[in-house]
């Protein structure tokens, strides 16, 4: 599903000026049209926009025009001195919702335009609760009728406002979040698997090393035992040799004694 993240700004100026070449006619109604398009100019049809009159236009003691909160929004205490503030439309929209202020809802045509028709001079809040299929609701914004044209230094009563898109998204944020979560989970599982494999490999290596150490120990013990056996055999052989030599010596001694006795008897 396609999604759009929008930061809205109006192309025409909100300013009502005392330097206008013509006087502001507060008795003259204008028209208001909102043209909803993507950053590449593609219209976004479908859904609806709701308009609320948030302010009226009055003239001060010097005859200069200024915005004043409409009676429906007087309790909001909103500051209309800075119409470019992003907090202003959010504050007004929240107040309208919490106080169930009635607005005028208009469907957005397939050419991306919402035509509110004849509109009295004032400051208007536009909010969207029903976005086009596949899109998220745009942020609320404010627009004035009429609007002052700095070039001609005159008021434009037939107003067409173009919300500008500063960011387009190809994937809805929920899909991105799900995809990100899935990727994160998959990565986590892979890392866990890798760690498990590394742990298993490490354990296997330790087991192999332990077996090798045990084998070396067994070989060492066997070698030591063999040396001990050889040493015992050598000792046994040495003792046996001594007994044999002693036996031979006794036999030789006995024969000498016997031979000497025979010589003695022969001499007699």
C-alpha atoms as a PDB file:
ATOM      1  CA  UNK A   1       0.000   0.000   0.000  1.00  0.00           C
ATOM      2  CA  UNK A   2       1.292   3.413  -0.951  1.00  0.00           C
ATOM      3  CA  UNK A   3       1.713   6.020   1.742  1.00  0.00           C
ATOM      4  CA  UNK A   4       2.532   9.712   1.782  1.00  0.00           C
ATOM      5  CA  UNK A   5       4.189  11.756   4.523  1.00  0.00           C
ATOM      6  CA  UNK A   6       3.398  15.430   4.010  1.00  0.00           C
ATOM      7  CA  UNK A   7       4.581  18.676   5.505  1.00  0.00           C
ATOM      8  CA  UNK A   8       2.140  21.278   4.223  1.00  0.00           C
ATOM      9  CA  UNK A   9       2.818  24.875   3.219  1.00  0.00           C
ATOM     10  CA  UNK A  10       0.704  27.202   1.138  1.00  0.00           C
ATOM     11  CA  UNK A  11       2.093  28.800  -1.994  1.00  0.00           C
ATOM     12  CA  UNK A  12       0.318  32.156  -1.600  1.00  0.00           C
ATOM     13  CA  UNK A  13       1.015  34.530   1.276  1.00  0.00           C
ATOM     14  CA  UNK A  14      -1.302  34.693   4.287  1.00  0.00           C
ATOM     15  CA  UNK A  15      -0.521  38.362   4.841  1.00  0.00           C
ATOM     16  CA  UNK A  16      -3.231  40.976   4.750  1.00  0.00           C
ATOM     17  CA  UNK A  17      -1.514  44.275   4.113  1.00  0.00           C
ATOM     18  CA  UNK A  18      -2.182  47.945   4.689  1.00  0.00           C
ATOM     19  CA  UNK A  19       0.072  48.714   1.692  1.00  0.00           C
ATOM     20  CA  UNK A  20      -2.342  47.222  -0.838  1.00  0.00           C
ATOM     21  CA  UNK A  21      -3.137  49.314  -3.912  1.00  0.00           C
ATOM     22  CA  UNK A  22      -6.813  48.681  -3.237  1.00  0.00           C
ATOM     23  CA  UNK A  23      -8.728  48.542   0.019  1.00  0.00           C
ATOM     24  CA  UNK A  24      -9.699  45.213   1.496  1.00  0.00           C
ATOM     25  CA  UNK A  25     -13.410  44.683   0.862  1.00  0.00           C
ATOM     26  CA  UNK A  26     -14.746  42.702   3.818  1.00  0.00           C
ATOM     27  CA  UNK A  27     -18.186  42.547   2.248  1.00  0.00           C
ATOM     28  CA  UNK A  28     -16.907  40.676  -0.782  1.00  0.00           C
ATOM     29  CA  UNK A  29     -16.957  36.871  -0.693  1.00  0.00           C
ATOM     30  CA  UNK A  30     -14.289  34.843  -2.415  1.00  0.00           C
ATOM     31  CA  UNK A  31     -13.871  31.194  -3.360  1.00  0.00           C
ATOM     32  CA  UNK A  32     -11.602  28.509  -1.897  1.00  0.00           C
ATOM     33  CA  UNK A  33     -10.181  25.531  -3.782  1.00  0.00           C
ATOM     34  CA  UNK A  34      -7.566  23.117  -2.424  1.00  0.00           C
ATOM     35  CA  UNK A  35      -5.475  21.259  -5.019  1.00  0.00           C
ATOM     36  CA  UNK A  36      -3.875  18.142  -3.538  1.00  0.00           C
ATOM     37  CA  UNK A  37      -0.919  16.871  -5.580  1.00  0.00           C
ATOM     38  CA  UNK A  38       2.277  14.899  -5.012  1.00  0.00           C
ATOM     39  CA  UNK A  39       5.688  16.563  -5.292  1.00  0.00           C
ATOM     40  CA  UNK A  40       5.918  15.460  -8.926  1.00  0.00           C
ATOM     41  CA  UNK A  41       2.566  17.103  -9.757  1.00  0.00           C
ATOM     42  CA  UNK A  42       0.502  13.905  -9.769  1.00  0.00           C
ATOM     43  CA  UNK A  43      -2.985  14.614  -8.358  1.00  0.00           C
ATOM     44  CA  UNK A  44      -4.166  12.669  -5.329  1.00  0.00           C
ATOM     45  CA  UNK A  45      -7.888  11.991  -5.761  1.00  0.00           C
ATOM     46  CA  UNK A  46     -10.227  10.497  -3.190  1.00  0.00           C
ATOM     47  CA  UNK A  47     -10.887  11.127   0.470  1.00  0.00           C
ATOM     48  CA  UNK A  48     -12.212  14.379   1.829  1.00  0.00           C
ATOM     49  CA  UNK A  49     -11.238  17.669   3.499  1.00  0.00           C
ATOM     50  CA  UNK A  50     -13.134  19.529   6.213  1.00  0.00           C
ATOM     51  CA  UNK A  51     -12.962  23.312   6.486  1.00  0.00           C
ATOM     52  CA  UNK A  52     -13.577  25.385   9.650  1.00  0.00           C
ATOM     53  CA  UNK A  53     -13.643  29.179   9.900  1.00  0.00           C
ATOM     54  CA  UNK A  54     -11.030  29.730  12.603  1.00  0.00           C
ATOM     55  CA  UNK A  55     -10.769  33.492  12.286  1.00  0.00           C
ATOM     56  CA  UNK A  56     -12.395  36.631  10.952  1.00  0.00           C
ATOM     57  CA  UNK A  57     -10.807  39.803   9.539  1.00  0.00           C
ATOM     58  CA  UNK A  58     -11.282  43.101  11.317  1.00  0.00           C
ATOM     59  CA  UNK A  59      -9.799  46.548  10.926  1.00  0.00           C
ATOM     60  CA  UNK A  60      -8.082  48.239  13.829  1.00  0.00           C
ATOM     61  CA  UNK A  61      -8.344  51.898  14.779  1.00  0.00           C
ATOM     62  CA  UNK A  62      -5.896  52.852  12.020  1.00  0.00           C
ATOM     63  CA  UNK A  63      -7.947  51.005   9.441  1.00  0.00           C
ATOM     64  CA  UNK A  64      -5.368  48.205   9.061  1.00  0.00           C
ATOM     65  CA  UNK A  65      -6.755  44.642   8.744  1.00  0.00           C
ATOM     66  CA  UNK A  66      -5.957  41.922  11.271  1.00  0.00           C
ATOM     67  CA  UNK A  67      -7.086  38.362  12.050  1.00  0.00           C
ATOM     68  CA  UNK A  68      -9.259  37.711  15.122  1.00  0.00           C
ATOM     69  CA  UNK A  69     -10.317  34.281  16.425  1.00  0.00           C
ATOM     70  CA  UNK A  70     -13.788  33.223  15.313  1.00  0.00           C
ATOM     71  CA  UNK A  71     -16.285  32.840  18.161  1.00  0.00           C
ATOM     72  CA  UNK A  72     -16.179  29.036  17.709  1.00  0.00           C
ATOM     73  CA  UNK A  73     -12.430  29.048  18.420  1.00  0.00           C
ATOM     74  CA  UNK A  74     -12.233  31.869  20.985  1.00  0.00           C
ATOM     75  CA  UNK A  75     -11.678  29.359  23.782  1.00  0.00           C
ATOM     76  CA  UNK A  76      -8.568  27.958  22.068  1.00  0.00           C
ATOM     77  CA  UNK A  77      -6.532  31.093  22.969  1.00  0.00           C
ATOM     78  CA  UNK A  78      -4.597  30.504  19.719  1.00  0.00           C
ATOM     79  CA  UNK A  79      -2.163  33.201  18.591  1.00  0.00           C
ATOM     80  CA  UNK A  80      -2.996  34.360  15.046  1.00  0.00           C
ATOM     81  CA  UNK A  81      -0.017  36.726  14.780  1.00  0.00           C
ATOM     82  CA  UNK A  82       2.159  34.000  13.179  1.00  0.00           C
ATOM     83  CA  UNK A  83       0.156  32.094  10.595  1.00  0.00           C
ATOM     84  CA  UNK A  84       3.275  30.252   9.369  1.00  0.00           C
ATOM     85  CA  UNK A  85       3.637  28.462  12.713  1.00  0.00           C
ATOM     86  CA  UNK A  86       3.210  24.702  12.375  1.00  0.00           C
ATOM     87  CA  UNK A  87       1.800  24.542  15.909  1.00  0.00           C
ATOM     88  CA  UNK A  88      -1.148  26.816  15.073  1.00  0.00           C
ATOM     89  CA  UNK A  89      -3.115  24.432  12.793  1.00  0.00           C
ATOM     90  CA  UNK A  90      -2.433  21.499  15.147  1.00  0.00           C
ATOM     91  CA  UNK A  91      -3.739  23.534  18.089  1.00  0.00           C
ATOM     92  CA  UNK A  92      -6.860  24.630  16.193  1.00  0.00           C
ATOM     93  CA  UNK A  93      -7.568  21.126  14.858  1.00  0.00           C
ATOM     94  CA  UNK A  94      -7.277  19.585  18.322  1.00  0.00           C
ATOM     95  CA  UNK A  95      -9.601  22.242  19.738  1.00  0.00           C
ATOM     96  CA  UNK A  96     -12.162  21.626  16.965  1.00  0.00           C
ATOM     97  CA  UNK A  97     -12.095  17.874  17.601  1.00  0.00           C
ATOM     98  CA  UNK A  98     -12.301  18.103  21.394  1.00  0.00           C
ATOM     99  CA  UNK A  99     -15.155  20.616  21.246  1.00  0.00           C
ATOM    100  CA  UNK A 100     -17.001  18.891  18.374  1.00  0.00           C
ATOM    101  CA  UNK A 101     -17.067  22.037  16.253  1.00  0.00           C
ATOM    102  CA  UNK A 102     -19.022  21.495  13.033  1.00  0.00           C
ATOM    103  CA  UNK A 103     -17.095  21.975   9.802  1.00  0.00           C
ATOM    104  CA  UNK A 104     -17.930  21.727   6.123  1.00  0.00           C
ATOM    105  CA  UNK A 105     -16.723  18.489   4.512  1.00  0.00           C
ATOM    106  CA  UNK A 106     -15.966  18.314   0.790  1.00  0.00           C
ATOM    107  CA  UNK A 107     -14.899  15.286  -1.257  1.00  0.00           C
ATOM    108  CA  UNK A 108     -11.604  15.495  -3.157  1.00  0.00           C
ATOM    109  CA  UNK A 109     -12.186  14.860  -6.859  1.00  0.00           C
ATOM    110  CA  UNK A 110     -10.005  12.525  -8.902  1.00  0.00           C
ATOM    111  CA  UNK A 111      -8.186  15.564 -10.288  1.00  0.00           C
ATOM    112  CA  UNK A 112      -7.008  16.214  -6.714  1.00  0.00           C
ATOM    113  CA  UNK A 113      -9.196  19.297  -6.146  1.00  0.00           C
ATOM    114  CA  UNK A 114     -11.587  20.033  -3.292  1.00  0.00           C
ATOM    115  CA  UNK A 115     -13.865  22.960  -4.176  1.00  0.00           C
ATOM    116  CA  UNK A 116     -15.416  24.757  -1.186  1.00  0.00           C
ATOM    117  CA  UNK A 117     -17.192  27.294  -3.383  1.00  0.00           C
ATOM    118  CA  UNK A 118     -18.169  30.747  -2.123  1.00  0.00           C
ATOM    119  CA  UNK A 119     -16.269  31.644   1.020  1.00  0.00           C
ATOM    120  CA  UNK A 120     -16.515  34.710   3.287  1.00  0.00           C
ATOM    121  CA  UNK A 121     -13.330  36.654   4.141  1.00  0.00           C
ATOM    122  CA  UNK A 122     -11.468  35.062   7.045  1.00  0.00           C
ATOM    123  CA  UNK A 123      -8.928  32.498   8.213  1.00  0.00           C
ATOM    124  CA  UNK A 124      -9.774  28.852   7.565  1.00  0.00           C
ATOM    125  CA  UNK A 125      -8.572  25.613   9.115  1.00  0.00           C
ATOM    126  CA  UNK A 126      -8.485  22.558   6.850  1.00  0.00           C
ATOM    127  CA  UNK A 127      -8.250  19.068   8.320  1.00  0.00           C
ATOM    128  CA  UNK A 128      -8.510  15.559   6.935  1.00  0.00           C
ATOM    129  CA  UNK A 129      -9.988  12.542   8.674  1.00  0.00           C
ATOM    130  CA  UNK A 130     -10.794  10.517   5.547  1.00  0.00           C
ATOM    131  CA  UNK A 131      -7.671  10.223   3.364  1.00  0.00           C
ATOM    132  CA  UNK A 132      -7.618   8.713  -0.108  1.00  0.00           C
ATOM    133  CA  UNK A 133      -7.289   4.928  -0.254  1.00  0.00           C
ATOM    134  CA  UNK A 134      -3.702   3.908   0.339  1.00  0.00           C
ATOM    135  CA  UNK A 135      -2.694   7.260   1.886  1.00  0.00           C
ATOM    136  CA  UNK A 136      -2.322   8.634   5.369  1.00  0.00           C
ATOM    137  CA  UNK A 137      -4.247  11.736   6.453  1.00  0.00           C
ATOM    138  CA  UNK A 138      -2.475  15.013   5.706  1.00  0.00           C
ATOM    139  CA  UNK A 139      -1.551  17.359   8.530  1.00  0.00           C
ATOM    140  CA  UNK A 140      -4.057  20.189   9.246  1.00  0.00           C
ATOM    141  CA  UNK A 141      -3.212  23.606   7.779  1.00  0.00           C
ATOM    142  CA  UNK A 142      -4.629  27.124   7.615  1.00  0.00           C
ATOM    143  CA  UNK A 143      -5.502  29.299   4.647  1.00  0.00           C
ATOM    144  CA  UNK A 144      -6.854  32.852   4.316  1.00  0.00           C
ATOM    145  CA  UNK A 145      -9.475  34.302   1.990  1.00  0.00           C
ATOM    146  CA  UNK A 146      -8.577  36.647   0.401  1.00  0.00           C
ATOM    147  CA  UNK A 147      -4.801  36.411   0.076  1.00  0.00           C
ATOM    148  CA  UNK A 148      -2.451  39.292  -0.617  1.00  0.00           C
ATOM    149  CA  UNK A 149      -0.366  39.206  -3.808  1.00  0.00           C
ATOM    150  CA  UNK A 150       2.981  40.952  -3.232  1.00  0.00           C
ATOM    151  CA  UNK A 151       3.596  41.383  -6.980  1.00  0.00           C
ATOM    152  CA  UNK A 152       0.387  43.169  -7.920  1.00  0.00           C
ATOM    153  CA  UNK A 153      -0.071  44.559  -4.407  1.00  0.00           C
ATOM    154  CA  UNK A 154      -3.688  43.546  -4.539  1.00  0.00           C
ATOM    155  CA  UNK A 155      -5.976  41.017  -2.870  1.00  0.00           C
ATOM    156  CA  UNK A 156      -6.861  37.726  -4.559  1.00  0.00           C
ATOM    157  CA  UNK A 157     -10.387  36.667  -3.597  1.00  0.00           C
ATOM    158  CA  UNK A 158     -10.547  33.473  -5.655  1.00  0.00           C
ATOM    159  CA  UNK A 159      -7.985  31.403  -3.780  1.00  0.00           C
ATOM    160  CA  UNK A 160      -6.487  28.111  -4.931  1.00  0.00           C
ATOM    161  CA  UNK A 161      -4.081  26.693  -2.367  1.00  0.00           C
ATOM    162  CA  UNK A 162      -1.527  24.027  -3.193  1.00  0.00           C
ATOM    163  CA  UNK A 163      -0.282  21.929  -0.258  1.00  0.00           C
ATOM    164  CA  UNK A 164       3.370  21.237  -1.110  1.00  0.00           C
ATOM    165  CA  UNK A 165       4.813  17.752  -0.547  1.00  0.00           C
ATOM    166  CA  UNK A 166       8.294  17.771   0.909  1.00  0.00           C
ATOM    167  CA  UNK A 167       8.544  14.004   1.341  1.00  0.00           C
ATOM    168  CA  UNK A 168       7.031  11.075  -0.561  1.00  0.00           C
ATOM    169  CA  UNK A 169       7.186   7.531   0.804  1.00  0.00           C
ATOM    170  CA  UNK A 170       6.751   4.435  -1.366  1.00  0.00           C
ATOM    171  CA  UNK A 171       5.816   2.196   1.545  1.00  0.00           C
ATOM    172  CA  UNK A 172       3.375   2.879   4.370  1.00  0.00           C
ATOM    173  CA  UNK A 173       5.142   3.423   7.689  1.00  0.00           C
ATOM    174  CA  UNK A 174       3.354   0.422   9.249  1.00  0.00           C
ATOM    175  CA  UNK A 175       4.696  -1.809   6.451  1.00  0.00           C
ATOM    176  CA  UNK A 176       8.164  -0.336   6.961  1.00  0.00           C
ATOM    177  CA  UNK A 177       7.872  -0.925  10.706  1.00  0.00           C
ATOM    178  CA  UNK A 178       6.716  -4.509  10.141  1.00  0.00           C
ATOM    179  CA  UNK A 179       9.429  -5.059   7.543  1.00  0.00           C
ATOM    180  CA  UNK A 180      12.024  -3.509   9.856  1.00  0.00           C
ATOM    181  CA  UNK A 181      10.776  -5.628  12.766  1.00  0.00           C
ATOM    182  CA  UNK A 182      10.875  -8.752  10.588  1.00  0.00           C
ATOM    183  CA  UNK A 183      14.366  -7.892   9.380  1.00  0.00           C
ATOM    184  CA  UNK A 184      15.475  -7.175  12.929  1.00  0.00           C
ATOM    185  CA  UNK A 185      13.941 -10.434  14.150  1.00  0.00           C
ATOM    186  CA  UNK A 186      15.537 -12.359  11.295  1.00  0.00           C
ATOM    187  CA  UNK A 187      18.880 -10.715  11.965  1.00  0.00           C
ATOM    188  CA  UNK A 188      18.523 -11.438  15.661  1.00  0.00           C
ATOM    189  CA  UNK A 189      17.678 -15.084  14.928  1.00  0.00           C
ATOM    190  CA  UNK A 190      20.635 -15.354  12.574  1.00  0.00           C
ATOM    191  CA  UNK A 191      22.920 -13.799  15.157  1.00  0.00           C
ATOM    192  CA  UNK A 192      21.569 -16.149  17.823  1.00  0.00           C
ATOM    193  CA  UNK A 193      22.062 -19.080  15.461  1.00  0.00           C
ATOM    194  CA  UNK A 194      25.596 -17.905  14.680  1.00  0.00           C
ATOM    195  CA  UNK A 195      26.323 -17.460  18.367  1.00  0.00           C
ATOM    196  CA  UNK A 196      24.859 -20.897  19.065  1.00  0.00           C
ATOM    197  CA  UNK A 197      26.982 -22.386  16.272  1.00  0.00           C
ATOM    198  CA  UNK A 198      30.044 -20.549  17.565  1.00  0.00           C
ATOM    199  CA  UNK A 199      29.259 -21.761  21.087  1.00  0.00           C
ATOM    200  CA  UNK A 200      28.764 -25.317  19.789  1.00  0.00           C
ATOM    201  CA  UNK A 201      31.977 -25.087  17.771  1.00  0.00           C
ATOM    202  CA  UNK A 202      33.793 -23.658  20.772  1.00  0.00           C
ATOM    203  CA  UNK A 203      32.450 -26.456  22.980  1.00  0.00           C
ATOM    204  CA  UNK A 204      33.426 -29.015  20.341  1.00  0.00           C
ATOM    205  CA  UNK A 205      36.893 -27.524  20.090  1.00  0.00           C
ATOM    206  CA  UNK A 206      37.198 -27.521  23.870  1.00  0.00           C
ATOM    207  CA  UNK A 207      35.992 -31.131  23.952  1.00  0.00           C
ATOM    208  CA  UNK A 208      38.514 -32.073  21.236  1.00  0.00           C
ATOM    209  CA  UNK A 209      41.250 -30.202  23.068  1.00  0.00           C
ATOM    210  CA  UNK A 210      40.236 -31.948  26.280  1.00  0.00           C
ATOM    211  CA  UNK A 211      40.321 -35.307  24.486  1.00  0.00           C
ATOM    212  CA  UNK A 212      43.731 -34.456  23.069  1.00  0.00           C
ATOM    213  CA  UNK A 213      44.943 -33.448  26.523  1.00  0.00           C
ATOM    214  CA  UNK A 214      43.520 -36.648  27.939  1.00  0.00           C
ATOM    215  CA  UNK A 215      45.140 -38.643  25.146  1.00  0.00           C
ATOM    216  CA  UNK A 216      48.452 -36.903  25.802  1.00  0.00           C
ATOM    217  CA  UNK A 217      48.057 -37.622  29.517  1.00  0.00           C
ATOM    218  CA  UNK A 218      47.268 -41.281  28.805  1.00  0.00           C
ATOM    219  CA  UNK A 219      50.273 -41.507  26.503  1.00  0.00           C
ATOM    220  CA  UNK A 220      52.430 -39.872  29.155  1.00  0.00           C
ATOM    221  CA  UNK A 221      51.128 -42.288  31.806  1.00  0.00           C
ATOM    222  CA  UNK A 222      51.646 -45.247  29.472  1.00  0.00           C
ATOM    223  CA  UNK A 223      55.169 -44.071  28.641  1.00  0.00           C
ATOM    224  CA  UNK A 224      55.940 -43.620  32.327  1.00  0.00           C
ATOM    225  CA  UNK A 225      54.532 -47.071  33.056  1.00  0.00           C
ATOM    226  CA  UNK A 226      56.614 -48.593  30.253  1.00  0.00           C
ATOM    227  CA  UNK A 227      59.724 -46.942  31.622  1.00  0.00           C
ATOM    228  CA  UNK A 228      58.894 -48.240  35.108  1.00  0.00           C
ATOM    229  CA  UNK A 229      58.343 -51.758  33.719  1.00  0.00           C
ATOM    230  CA  UNK A 230      61.628 -51.570  31.824  1.00  0.00           C
ATOM    231  CA  UNK A 231      63.394 -50.305  34.941  1.00  0.00           C
ATOM    232  CA  UNK A 232      61.896 -53.146  37.006  1.00  0.00           C
ATOM    233  CA  UNK A 233      62.927 -55.671  34.346  1.00  0.00           C
ATOM    234  CA  UNK A 234      66.439 -54.253  34.284  1.00  0.00           C
ATOM    235  CA  UNK A 235      66.662 -54.493  38.077  1.00  0.00           C
ATOM    236  CA  UNK A 236      65.373 -58.074  37.984  1.00  0.00           C
ATOM    237  CA  UNK A 237      67.890 -58.957  35.268  1.00  0.00           C
ATOM    238  CA  UNK A 238      70.743 -57.424  37.296  1.00  0.00           C
ATOM    239  CA  UNK A 239      69.785 -59.404  40.418  1.00  0.00           C
ATOM    240  CA  UNK A 240      69.440 -62.602  38.388  1.00  0.00           C
ATOM    241  CA  UNK A 241      72.901 -62.024  36.902  1.00  0.00           C
ATOM    242  CA  UNK A 242      74.401 -61.568  40.355  1.00  0.00           C
ATOM    243  CA  UNK A 243      72.861 -64.831  41.551  1.00  0.00           C
ATOM    244  CA  UNK A 244      74.226 -66.672  38.503  1.00  0.00           C
ATOM    245  CA  UNK A 245      77.734 -65.266  39.016  1.00  0.00           C
ATOM    246  CA  UNK A 246      77.591 -66.160  42.729  1.00  0.00           C
ATOM    247  CA  UNK A 247      76.454 -69.702  41.872  1.00  0.00           C
ATOM    248  CA  UNK A 248      79.251 -70.116  39.327  1.00  0.00           C
ATOM    249  CA  UNK A 249      81.776 -68.820  41.862  1.00  0.00           C
ATOM    250  CA  UNK A 250      80.645 -71.344  44.472  1.00  0.00           C
ATOM    251  CA  UNK A 251      80.770 -74.169  41.939  1.00  0.00           C
ATOM    252  CA  UNK A 252      84.267 -73.147  40.870  1.00  0.00           C
ATOM    253  CA  UNK A 253      85.376 -72.979  44.525  1.00  0.00           C
ATOM    254  CA  UNK A 254      83.951 -76.412  45.250  1.00  0.00           C
ATOM    255  CA  UNK A 255      85.747 -77.881  42.225  1.00  0.00           C
ATOM    256  CA  UNK A 256      89.054 -76.360  43.333  1.00  0.00           C
ATOM    257  CA  UNK A 257      88.668 -77.780  46.818  1.00  0.00           C
ATOM    258  CA  UNK A 258      87.799 -81.187  45.364  1.00  0.00           C
ATOM    259  CA  UNK A 259      90.772 -81.068  43.001  1.00  0.00           C
ATOM    260  CA  UNK A 260      93.138 -80.089  45.879  1.00  0.00           C
ATOM    261  CA  UNK A 261      91.815 -82.980  48.056  1.00  0.00           C
ATOM    262  CA  UNK A 262      92.425 -85.470  45.268  1.00  0.00           C
ATOM    263  CA  UNK A 263      96.036 -84.313  44.820  1.00  0.00           C
ATOM    264  CA  UNK A 264      96.601 -84.637  48.530  1.00  0.00           C
ATOM    265  CA  UNK A 265      95.364 -88.243  48.679  1.00  0.00           C
ATOM    266  CA  UNK A 266      97.436 -89.148  45.662  1.00  0.00           C
ATOM    267  CA  UNK A 267     100.634 -87.855  47.323  1.00  0.00           C
ATOM    268  CA  UNK A 268     100.143 -90.196  50.312  1.00  0.00           C
END
